[in-house]
Every structure is written in structure tokens, then in C-alpha cells.
Amino acid sequence: MTDTDAAAEPIADPTGTSARTSDGATVVVGRYGSSVVAPAARDRRGGGEAPSRGNGRGRTGRAAASLPLTRRRWFVIVGGAILPIALLLTWQLVSTTGAVPVSQLPSPEMVWLAAVDLAQRGLLGLYVAISTQRVLIGFAFGAAIGLLLGAVVGLSRLGDILLAPTLGAIRAVPSLAWVPLLILWFKIGEESKIILIAIGAFFPVYTIVAAALRHVDRQLLEAGRAFGLRGVRLFTTVQLPAVVPSVLAGLRLALAQSWLFLVAAELIASSMGLGFLLLDSGQNGRIDRIILAIILLALLGKLTDSILGLVERWAVRRWA
């Protein structure tokens, strides 16, 4: 055994909650994960531990006051609204001054009136609800299967050998290539649309989860095994917390992909939904409704992504 190996070898703690390496570092294996804690800092003036800080309330106030401008909430909100407002003003200016004919670019007022007309006829809310339902159901199925197969490929060498080549080839198939096949197999009902959206949600989750599990820090795995963790206990205690940020990032990407596949799914002889609104408006030359559908897709995509972003923050604080 070399000196380096000896320095990294954990010395088990009788309490069963931490292990100390010979260089003074401590490997802590808790309920929700493992971490390596460096030796305690020393006071520069003496050999003891660094003195504790003062009142936590004063420190919190000073930290809030010293936040950089780009980290302050009001600046984030205002900064994020600058570009949309600028685009809206430019759009209004271009459409009202005649720089672009209204037959090619309707004004914001015309798009708003198209939305009011559809809402009064009871179609706008119905189309939004149907499209959102299709996306959420397809995303749920695709993400669940992606998590399962990603875990199998990421954790098992045999699973990687058997599944990865085939799934990699299927991932390269364009979304529209599935449309004729799904129509023949599942006709033009809801099943074909939801399956196509599930295909779009599956691959981002599968790819990211499998890659994240392959690259979990081996020192954490060795520390977990030093405490007798194997199989499911090792996965839930060490591996899963280590990949939580990557899993949530994959889910957000899959949700965005689900909205992209929605339009292709609703081109399958659909009679309702935002994809149908795009197709029908294009056939009738209603550019105002086309722009309305695009804006609604953008808003719904951003709303669902923001909700999943809140879940990501909570999960990272809770497990990572």
C-alpha cells in the first residue's frame, strides 16, 4: 500500500456516522448523502480552532447588503423584463408605422383582439387546457421511463452494453418520422399524440441520468461501501443525492422538449389544441392567430419551466 492509499483509507467511526482519513479529513455519510469535510481551520495567532463568528442576524444583514447587483431579486426581475418589453415596443413601432405590412406582421393590438375573440367563443381556454394536458401526460410517461432506463444503463455495465447502442440509434430518428407510424398503429386518437410527446421527453432524461450516474465521485462510493452500504442503500444514500442536480436539469430539458414535440403531435389530424390552431390559422391566412399561438406556447413553456425550477431549488437544498 502506498502513502497515498493510506492517506485516503477511511477509519470507521464507532458511531457509524462518519469516517476519518489519516490526513485529518472526515468523510460523513448521512441519511441523504456523503461529503468530505476538511480539517478544522486553525487560528493564525495560535494553534487552536478558528473562533466562531458573532451574531447570525447581523451577519445575515451584512451579507444581504453586500450582495452584488446581479444577485438581487429586483434587478433579476427588471433585467429579465427589459428584452421582452423592448421587443414589444419594436413590434408596435414597426407594425404601426407601415415599415412592415400588417398582412405580414399584425400589430400587438390585432393579436390581442384575436385572443379576445377566441376567448369569447370558448376556444382559447379549451385549446390551452388540452395542449397542456397532453404535454404533462406525455412528459410524465417519458420522464419516468427515461429515469428507469437511465438508472439501469448508468448503474449496470451489462445494461449499458445491451441498451445503450439501440437507444442511441433510436435517439437519432427525427420526431416527424414517427408520425406516420403512430397513425397506423394508434390511429388519430390521444394515444398517438401522447406517445410522440413521451418520446420527446424520454431521451433528454435518459441521456443525462445515465451519464450522471456513470460519473459519480468514486471516493464517495468507496466511503459508502466502507460503511457497509450496498445495492439500493448505496444508491439512495450516496449515488442519488450526487446526481439530483443533473436529474432535475434533465427533467427541465425534457419538459421543454415536450412542448416542442406538441406541435408535431397535434399535426396528427388534431381538431383541438395550440398545434391545431397553428395549422388551421396557417391554412386560413390568419397570421394574428399564428402569432398568438406562438406567444401562448412560449408563455406556457416558460411557466412550466419556472415551476420545475422551483422544484429543482427545493430538491437541491433537500438532497444535494
Foldseek 3Di string as FASTA:
>chain_A
DDPVVQQLDWQDDPVLAWTAGPVGWIWGFDQQAIDIGHHADADPVDGDGDDDDDDPVVVVVVVVVPDDPCPDPVSVVVVVVPVVVVVLVVLQVCDVVVVDDCLVRPHPVLLVVVLVVCVVVVANVQQLVVLVVLLVLLLVLLLVVLLVLLCCLQPDVVSVVPPVVVVVVVLPDDLLVCLVVLCVVVNLDSVSLSPSLSSQLNVLLNVQSSVLSNPFDVSRLVRCVVSVDDDPRSCRRHRVLSCLLSNLVSSLNSSLSSLVSNLSSCVSPHDGHLSNQLVVCVVVSPVSSNVSSVVSSVVVSVVVSVVSVVVSVVSNVVRD
